[in-house]
Amino acid sequence: MYLKHKVFGKLFNIFTKFPINNNLISFIIDSNESFSSNLEYIKNEFESRGDFEFNYYYKDKLSINSLKKLATSRYVFLNDNFFPLAFMKFNNKSTVIQLWHAPGAFKKFGGSVENASMLKLISDNTDYLIITSKYIEDYYAEAFQIDKSKIKVLGLPRADYYFKNHNIENLRQNFNNKYNLESDKKIILYAPTFRENEEYNNVFNYLNVDEFNKSLSDDYILALRLHPKIKKFYSSQIGVNGDYIDCSDYQNEQELLLISDILITDYSSIMIEFALLNKPIIFFAYDLDNYMNNERGFYLDYKKDLPGPIVYSTEELVNTIKDGIDTSKLNPFIQTQFDDVDGHSSKRIVDFVLNEGEKNG
């Protein structure tokens, strides 16, 4: 099963005999750049420090030149799983840092739910895993099968975005222009996650849009952002669909969170970033019993620890919005997911990496 990863590792290891370029930084990334934002923030921070060179190694594009650069980089950052890492033996002067693309701990993943042998090999070849909170350290140690000494609580680079100055009015106008809207109604963003059980993936079998709009459309616009895997479970055209806006194609998810007034989700980790904005979150868990029994489970107590109310039907959802959403759990929740909420995660990470490099170089 892992033959191609082993072959890649053997090819990579040939190039580790070349000398390290102390100014070269590599980023391992998907071709669709789906998790690129963390890496871009780190790149920008390094650029502010000096004259570094950067190499993007795309996972599914075998480039000998890029592979050689990867093997001779002083620092290597990744943001997601990269299974060949289990068989890659970096030069001991290289430092490999896993940033991970998601903040905090919500749904179980990795070694918490599946065979961990491959993950252990990957973590053996990883120098540091960056997380957002000491509170979640045990979860990540299990998920990555990594020694706690390698885990550093330094934050999430992409979260720095929310602490910059943004012109919200301009962002909202761009949204209106894209979807031909004239309204300044508040935006309710519905971002459901993917279920392994196909029966529950068509959200319109559970969300009565007519009932929703009949009660709320005077004040709100319903915007839907679907997980890519959910697309096949419903039929609609991207854009305005009369009753709601399908903004699944909206390029910058973080902009969308900034301009949204309320988030409706279920089991998606998007809620952790939205919580940073101190705005209301509702958990529409119409299939909670099935999800709890048949999906991968949670690190927290779903019914007790969430930073917002749980509803199970359209009627409950509408009434919760009309009555006002309880936000009293937001701050306590954020404190469990982030040690520092200050917009300086990228700086902390680069400070740490450079200082460790000086000690170990």
Protein backbone atom coordinates (compact mmCIF):
# COMPACT_ATOMS: atom_id res chain seq x y z
CA MET A 1 0.00 0.00 0.00
CA TYR A 2 2.81 2.38 0.84
CA LEU A 3 5.17 1.27 -1.94
CA LYS A 4 4.99 4.59 -3.78
CA HIS A 5 5.75 6.46 -0.55
CA LYS A 6 8.78 4.24 0.08
CA VAL A 7 10.02 4.80 -3.48
CA PHE A 8 9.61 8.55 -3.05
CA GLY A 9 11.53 8.39 0.22
CA LYS A 10 14.44 6.50 -1.36
CA LEU A 11 14.60 9.03 -4.21
CA PHE A 12 14.47 11.94 -1.78
CA ASN A 13 17.21 10.47 0.41
CA ILE A 14 19.66 10.58 -2.49
CA PHE A 15 19.56 14.38 -2.40
CA THR A 16 20.13 14.70 1.35
CA LYS A 17 23.84 14.16 0.66
CA PHE A 18 24.02 17.66 -0.82
CA PRO A 19 24.94 20.54 1.53
CA ILE A 20 22.18 22.45 3.32
CA ASN A 21 21.32 25.94 2.11
CA ASN A 22 20.81 27.88 5.36
CA ASN A 23 18.66 30.50 3.63
CA LEU A 24 16.34 28.05 1.88
CA ILE A 25 12.84 27.37 3.24
CA SER A 26 10.54 24.78 1.68
CA PHE A 27 6.78 24.43 1.94
CA ILE A 28 5.07 21.13 1.17
CA ILE A 29 1.69 21.86 -0.36
CA ASP A 30 -1.19 20.46 -2.41
CA SER A 31 -1.48 21.65 -5.99
CA ASN A 32 -4.89 23.15 -5.24
CA GLU A 33 -3.28 25.07 -2.37
CA SER A 34 -6.27 24.19 -0.21
CA PHE A 35 -4.29 24.62 3.00
CA SER A 36 -1.86 27.32 1.92
CA SER A 37 -2.80 30.16 4.25
CA ASN A 38 -0.69 29.04 7.23
CA LEU A 39 2.31 28.71 4.96
CA GLU A 40 1.81 32.12 3.40
CA TYR A 41 1.78 33.78 6.82
CA ILE A 42 5.02 32.02 7.74
CA LYS A 43 6.59 33.02 4.41
CA ASN A 44 5.62 36.65 4.96
CA GLU A 45 7.11 36.59 8.44
CA PHE A 46 10.41 35.19 7.19
CA GLU A 47 10.49 37.81 4.43
CA SER A 48 10.30 40.50 7.09
CA ARG A 49 13.38 39.03 8.80
CA GLY A 50 15.91 38.79 6.00
CA ASP A 51 16.88 37.52 2.58
CA PHE A 52 15.49 33.98 2.48
CA GLU A 53 14.79 31.75 -0.52
CA PHE A 54 11.53 29.85 -0.82
CA ASN A 55 10.61 26.59 -2.47
CA TYR A 56 7.10 25.21 -2.86
CA TYR A 57 7.11 21.46 -3.17
CA TYR A 58 3.81 20.28 -4.67
CA LYS A 59 2.88 16.83 -3.44
CA ASP A 60 1.54 15.47 -6.72
CA LYS A 61 4.15 16.98 -9.05
CA LEU A 62 7.49 15.21 -9.15
CA SER A 63 10.10 17.86 -9.87
CA ILE A 64 13.71 16.79 -9.42
CA ASN A 65 14.86 20.37 -8.95
CA SER A 66 12.19 21.08 -6.33
CA LEU A 67 12.93 17.75 -4.65
CA LYS A 68 16.61 18.64 -4.38
CA LYS A 69 15.67 22.01 -2.87
CA LEU A 70 13.40 20.25 -0.40
CA ALA A 71 16.24 17.97 0.67
CA THR A 72 18.69 20.84 1.08
CA SER A 73 16.36 23.27 2.90
CA ARG A 74 17.22 24.57 6.33
CA TYR A 75 13.55 24.69 7.29
CA VAL A 76 10.66 22.63 5.94
CA PHE A 77 7.05 23.46 6.76
CA LEU A 78 3.96 21.41 6.07
CA ASN A 79 0.35 22.02 6.84
CA ASP A 80 -1.30 18.66 6.27
CA ASN A 81 -0.47 14.97 6.05
CA PHE A 82 2.39 13.91 3.76
CA PHE A 83 2.81 10.15 3.99
CA PRO A 84 6.21 9.90 2.17
CA LEU A 85 7.66 11.72 5.19
CA ALA A 86 7.59 8.35 6.96
CA PHE A 87 10.45 7.24 4.70
CA MET A 88 12.32 10.53 4.21
CA LYS A 89 15.56 10.94 6.16
CA PHE A 90 16.30 14.64 6.28
CA ASN A 91 19.77 16.00 6.88
CA ASN A 92 20.16 16.55 10.63
CA LYS A 93 20.70 20.24 9.89
CA SER A 94 17.19 20.52 8.44
CA THR A 95 14.23 21.28 10.69
CA VAL A 96 10.79 19.90 9.79
CA ILE A 97 7.79 21.73 11.24
CA GLN A 98 4.17 20.56 11.06
CA LEU A 99 1.84 23.57 11.41
CA TRP A 100 -1.44 21.68 10.85
CA HIS A 101 -4.24 23.52 9.08
CA ALA A 102 -6.89 23.51 11.80
CA PRO A 103 -6.97 25.18 15.22
CA GLY A 104 -7.89 23.59 18.51
CA ALA A 105 -9.40 20.14 18.97
CA PHE A 106 -12.94 19.21 18.03
CA LYS A 107 -13.44 16.06 15.92
CA LYS A 108 -11.08 13.17 16.54
CA PHE A 109 -8.57 12.49 13.80
CA GLY A 110 -5.38 10.61 12.96
CA GLY A 111 -4.14 8.20 15.61
CA SER A 112 -7.21 8.88 17.74
CA VAL A 113 -9.40 6.98 15.27
CA GLU A 114 -7.21 4.83 13.01
CA ASN A 115 -4.13 2.62 12.83
CA ALA A 116 -1.24 4.72 14.08
CA SER A 117 1.85 2.88 12.80
CA MET A 118 2.32 5.07 9.71
CA LEU A 119 1.67 8.25 11.68
CA LYS A 120 4.35 7.26 14.19
CA LEU A 121 6.91 6.92 11.38
CA ILE A 122 5.93 10.35 10.06
CA SER A 123 6.22 11.93 13.49
CA ASP A 124 9.62 10.33 14.03
CA ASN A 125 10.80 12.39 11.06
CA THR A 126 9.09 15.58 12.24
CA ASP A 127 10.99 17.93 14.54
CA TYR A 128 8.10 20.05 15.80
CA LEU A 129 4.32 20.07 15.81
CA ILE A 130 2.79 23.50 16.38
CA ILE A 131 -0.55 23.67 18.23
CA THR A 132 -2.75 26.41 19.65
CA SER A 133 -3.27 25.39 23.28
CA LYS A 134 -1.67 23.42 26.10
CA TYR A 135 -5.15 22.12 26.89
CA ILE A 136 -5.23 20.09 23.65
CA GLU A 137 -1.67 18.75 23.83
CA ASP A 138 -2.69 15.20 24.80
CA TYR A 139 -5.16 15.03 21.92
CA TYR A 140 -2.54 16.04 19.37
CA ALA A 141 0.07 13.72 20.84
CA GLU A 142 -2.38 10.87 20.27
CA ALA A 143 -3.56 12.05 16.85
CA PHE A 144 -0.03 12.44 15.47
CA GLN A 145 1.57 9.70 17.58
CA ILE A 146 4.25 12.20 18.46
CA ASP A 147 6.35 12.71 21.56
CA LYS A 148 5.13 15.65 23.65
CA SER A 149 8.63 17.13 23.71
CA LYS A 150 8.13 17.96 20.01
CA ILE A 151 4.83 19.78 20.58
CA LYS A 152 5.07 23.55 20.85
CA VAL A 153 2.14 25.78 21.79
CA LEU A 154 2.74 28.77 19.52
CA GLY A 155 -0.58 29.36 17.75
CA LEU A 156 -2.11 29.15 14.30
CA PRO A 157 -0.55 31.45 11.67
CA ARG A 158 -3.76 31.88 9.69
CA ALA A 159 -5.55 33.15 12.82
CA ASP A 160 -3.38 36.28 12.60
CA TYR A 161 -5.72 37.37 9.81
CA TYR A 162 -8.49 38.22 12.26
CA PHE A 163 -6.32 40.72 14.13
CA LYS A 164 -5.43 42.83 11.11
CA ASN A 165 -7.33 45.93 10.07
CA HIS A 166 -10.01 44.99 7.55
CA ASN A 167 -12.54 47.20 5.84
CA ILE A 168 -15.63 45.13 6.56
CA GLU A 169 -17.85 47.42 4.49
CA ASN A 170 -15.68 46.85 1.42
CA LEU A 171 -15.62 43.12 1.97
CA ARG A 172 -19.39 43.07 2.27
CA GLN A 173 -19.73 45.14 -0.89
CA ASN A 174 -17.51 42.68 -2.75
CA PHE A 175 -19.80 39.90 -1.55
CA ASN A 176 -22.88 41.81 -2.71
CA ASN A 177 -21.31 42.45 -6.10
CA LYS A 178 -20.34 38.82 -6.59
CA TYR A 179 -23.87 37.58 -5.93
CA ASN A 180 -25.76 40.58 -7.35
CA LEU A 181 -27.20 41.60 -4.02
CA GLU A 182 -28.49 45.01 -3.08
CA SER A 183 -29.48 44.10 0.44
CA ASP A 184 -27.60 45.04 3.59
CA LYS A 185 -29.37 42.34 5.57
CA LYS A 186 -27.30 40.37 8.06
CA ILE A 187 -25.66 37.20 6.81
CA ILE A 188 -26.33 33.82 8.39
CA LEU A 189 -23.62 31.46 7.19
CA TYR A 190 -24.55 27.78 7.16
CA ALA A 191 -21.46 25.57 6.87
CA PRO A 192 -22.35 21.88 7.31
CA THR A 193 -19.65 19.23 7.30
CA PHE A 194 -19.40 15.96 5.40
CA ARG A 195 -20.84 12.76 6.83
CA GLU A 196 -19.60 9.28 6.02
CA ASN A 197 -23.24 8.14 6.14
CA GLU A 198 -24.60 9.43 2.82
CA GLU A 199 -28.17 9.52 4.10
CA TYR A 200 -27.46 12.69 6.08
CA ASN A 201 -25.42 14.69 3.55
CA ASN A 202 -28.30 16.36 1.74
CA VAL A 203 -28.90 19.16 4.22
CA PHE A 204 -32.10 20.22 2.44
CA ASN A 205 -33.77 17.06 3.68
CA TYR A 206 -33.43 18.54 7.16
CA LEU A 207 -33.34 22.32 6.71
CA ASN A 208 -36.69 23.65 5.53
CA VAL A 209 -35.53 26.72 3.62
CA ASP A 210 -39.08 27.98 3.02
CA GLU A 211 -39.85 27.89 6.74
CA PHE A 212 -36.48 29.48 7.52
CA ASN A 213 -37.02 32.37 5.10
CA LYS A 214 -40.65 32.90 6.01
CA SER A 215 -39.57 33.74 9.53
CA LEU A 216 -36.20 35.40 9.00
CA SER A 217 -35.78 36.78 5.46
CA ASP A 218 -36.82 40.32 6.44
CA ASP A 219 -33.61 40.66 8.42
CA TYR A 220 -31.26 37.92 7.23
CA ILE A 221 -29.73 36.36 4.14
CA LEU A 222 -28.99 32.65 4.28
CA ALA A 223 -25.57 31.85 2.80
CA LEU A 224 -24.58 28.22 2.30
CA ARG A 225 -20.97 27.03 2.22
CA LEU A 226 -20.78 23.34 1.46
CA HIS A 227 -17.98 20.90 2.15
CA PRO A 228 -16.62 19.88 -1.30
CA LYS A 229 -17.65 16.25 -0.77
CA ILE A 230 -21.28 17.23 -0.16
CA LYS A 231 -21.77 18.70 -3.64
CA LYS A 232 -22.99 15.47 -5.19
CA PHE A 233 -25.78 15.12 -2.66
CA TYR A 234 -27.83 18.06 -3.84
CA SER A 235 -28.62 19.82 -7.08
CA SER A 236 -28.25 23.58 -7.35
CA GLN A 237 -26.36 26.14 -9.32
CA ILE A 238 -23.57 28.09 -7.71
CA GLY A 239 -24.71 31.58 -6.83
CA VAL A 240 -28.11 32.87 -5.82
CA ASN A 241 -30.75 30.15 -5.76
CA GLY A 242 -33.69 32.36 -4.88
CA ASP A 243 -34.01 31.20 -1.29
CA TYR A 244 -30.35 31.20 -0.31
CA ILE A 245 -26.89 32.05 -1.60
CA ASP A 246 -24.54 29.22 -2.41
CA CYS A 247 -21.15 30.72 -1.58
CA SER A 248 -19.25 27.44 -1.70
CA ASP A 249 -17.12 28.99 -4.43
CA TYR A 250 -16.22 32.07 -2.37
CA GLN A 251 -12.45 32.03 -2.52
CA ASN A 252 -11.51 33.49 0.84
CA GLU A 253 -13.25 31.62 3.66
CA GLN A 254 -11.83 33.97 6.27
CA GLU A 255 -13.38 36.99 4.56
CA LEU A 256 -16.67 35.15 4.61
CA LEU A 257 -16.38 34.61 8.36
CA LEU A 258 -15.63 38.30 8.89
CA ILE A 259 -18.74 39.50 7.08
CA SER A 260 -21.09 36.86 8.50
CA ASP A 261 -23.13 37.76 11.56
CA ILE A 262 -24.15 34.26 12.67
CA LEU A 263 -22.64 30.84 11.96
CA ILE A 264 -24.73 27.69 11.73
CA THR A 265 -22.68 24.52 11.62
CA ASP A 266 -22.75 21.00 13.02
CA TYR A 267 -19.46 19.12 13.41
CA SER A 268 -17.14 21.40 11.44
CA SER A 269 -13.98 22.86 12.96
CA ILE A 270 -14.79 26.14 11.21
CA MET A 271 -16.58 27.05 14.44
CA ILE A 272 -13.28 27.35 16.31
CA GLU A 273 -12.07 30.18 14.08
CA PHE A 274 -15.48 31.84 14.08
CA ALA A 275 -15.47 31.78 17.87
CA LEU A 276 -12.42 34.08 17.76
CA LEU A 277 -14.68 36.76 16.28
CA ASN A 278 -16.97 36.61 19.32
CA LYS A 279 -20.05 36.16 17.14
CA PRO A 280 -22.97 33.77 17.71
CA ILE A 281 -22.74 30.11 16.69
CA ILE A 282 -25.61 27.62 16.45
CA PHE A 283 -25.07 23.87 16.09
CA PHE A 284 -27.71 22.33 13.85
CA ALA A 285 -27.20 18.65 14.70
CA TYR A 286 -30.19 16.97 13.11
CA ASP A 287 -28.35 13.62 12.97
CA LEU A 288 -26.44 13.81 16.24
CA ASP A 289 -27.28 10.31 17.48
CA ASN A 290 -26.10 8.71 14.26
CA TYR A 291 -23.00 10.89 14.13
CA MET A 292 -22.07 10.09 17.72
CA ASN A 293 -22.54 6.35 17.19
CA ASN A 294 -21.15 5.87 13.70
CA GLU A 295 -18.66 8.65 12.92
CA ARG A 296 -15.26 9.38 14.40
CA GLY A 297 -16.34 11.14 17.59
CA PHE A 298 -15.12 14.23 19.46
CA TYR A 299 -12.39 15.26 21.86
CA LEU A 300 -14.92 17.29 23.84
CA ASP A 301 -18.38 16.62 25.22
CA TYR A 302 -20.59 17.70 22.34
CA LYS A 303 -23.65 18.36 24.46
CA LYS A 304 -21.84 20.27 27.21
CA ASP A 305 -18.74 21.98 25.84
CA LEU A 306 -19.84 23.72 22.64
CA PRO A 307 -19.76 27.55 22.54
CA GLY A 308 -23.36 27.86 21.41
CA PRO A 309 -26.80 26.23 21.52
CA ILE A 310 -27.59 22.89 19.84
CA VAL A 311 -30.79 22.58 17.79
CA TYR A 312 -32.26 19.57 15.99
CA SER A 313 -34.94 20.97 13.67
CA THR A 314 -35.69 23.97 11.50
CA GLU A 315 -38.29 25.15 14.00
CA GLU A 316 -35.77 25.11 16.85
CA LEU A 317 -33.21 26.83 14.63
CA VAL A 318 -35.56 29.64 13.69
CA ASN A 319 -36.78 30.17 17.26
CA THR A 320 -33.21 30.29 18.59
CA ILE A 321 -32.29 33.02 16.12
CA LYS A 322 -35.46 35.02 16.80
CA ASP A 323 -35.10 34.74 20.58
CA GLY A 324 -31.42 35.67 20.63
CA ILE A 325 -28.42 33.36 20.71
CA ASP A 326 -26.59 32.66 23.95
CA THR A 327 -22.92 33.64 23.56
CA SER A 328 -21.88 33.23 27.20
CA LYS A 329 -19.80 30.13 26.45
CA LEU A 330 -17.67 31.75 23.74
CA ASN A 331 -14.89 33.16 25.92
CA PRO A 332 -14.46 30.06 28.12
CA PHE A 333 -14.36 27.92 24.99
CA ILE A 334 -11.73 30.09 23.29
CA GLN A 335 -9.54 29.81 26.39
CA THR A 336 -9.47 26.03 25.99
CA GLN A 337 -8.55 26.23 22.30
CA PHE A 338 -5.99 29.08 22.29
CA ASP A 339 -3.33 29.96 24.82
CA ASP A 340 -2.71 33.29 23.07
CA VAL A 341 -5.32 35.34 21.24
CA ASP A 342 -3.25 38.21 19.95
CA GLY A 343 -2.51 37.97 16.21
CA HIS A 344 1.19 37.17 16.70
CA SER A 345 1.27 33.42 16.05
CA SER A 346 3.44 33.71 12.93
CA LYS A 347 5.95 35.84 14.79
CA ARG A 348 6.13 33.38 17.70
CA ILE A 349 6.67 30.44 15.37
CA VAL A 350 9.41 32.09 13.33
CA ASP A 351 11.09 33.40 16.51
CA PHE A 352 11.10 29.88 17.90
CA VAL A 353 12.37 28.25 14.72
CA LEU A 354 15.19 30.74 14.24
CA ASN A 355 16.26 30.57 17.86
CA GLU A 356 16.24 26.78 17.87
CA GLY A 357 18.23 26.90 14.65
CA GLU A 358 20.90 29.01 16.32
CA LYS A 359 21.12 26.54 19.19
CA ASN A 360 21.27 23.47 16.98
CA GLY A 361 23.20 24.82 14.00
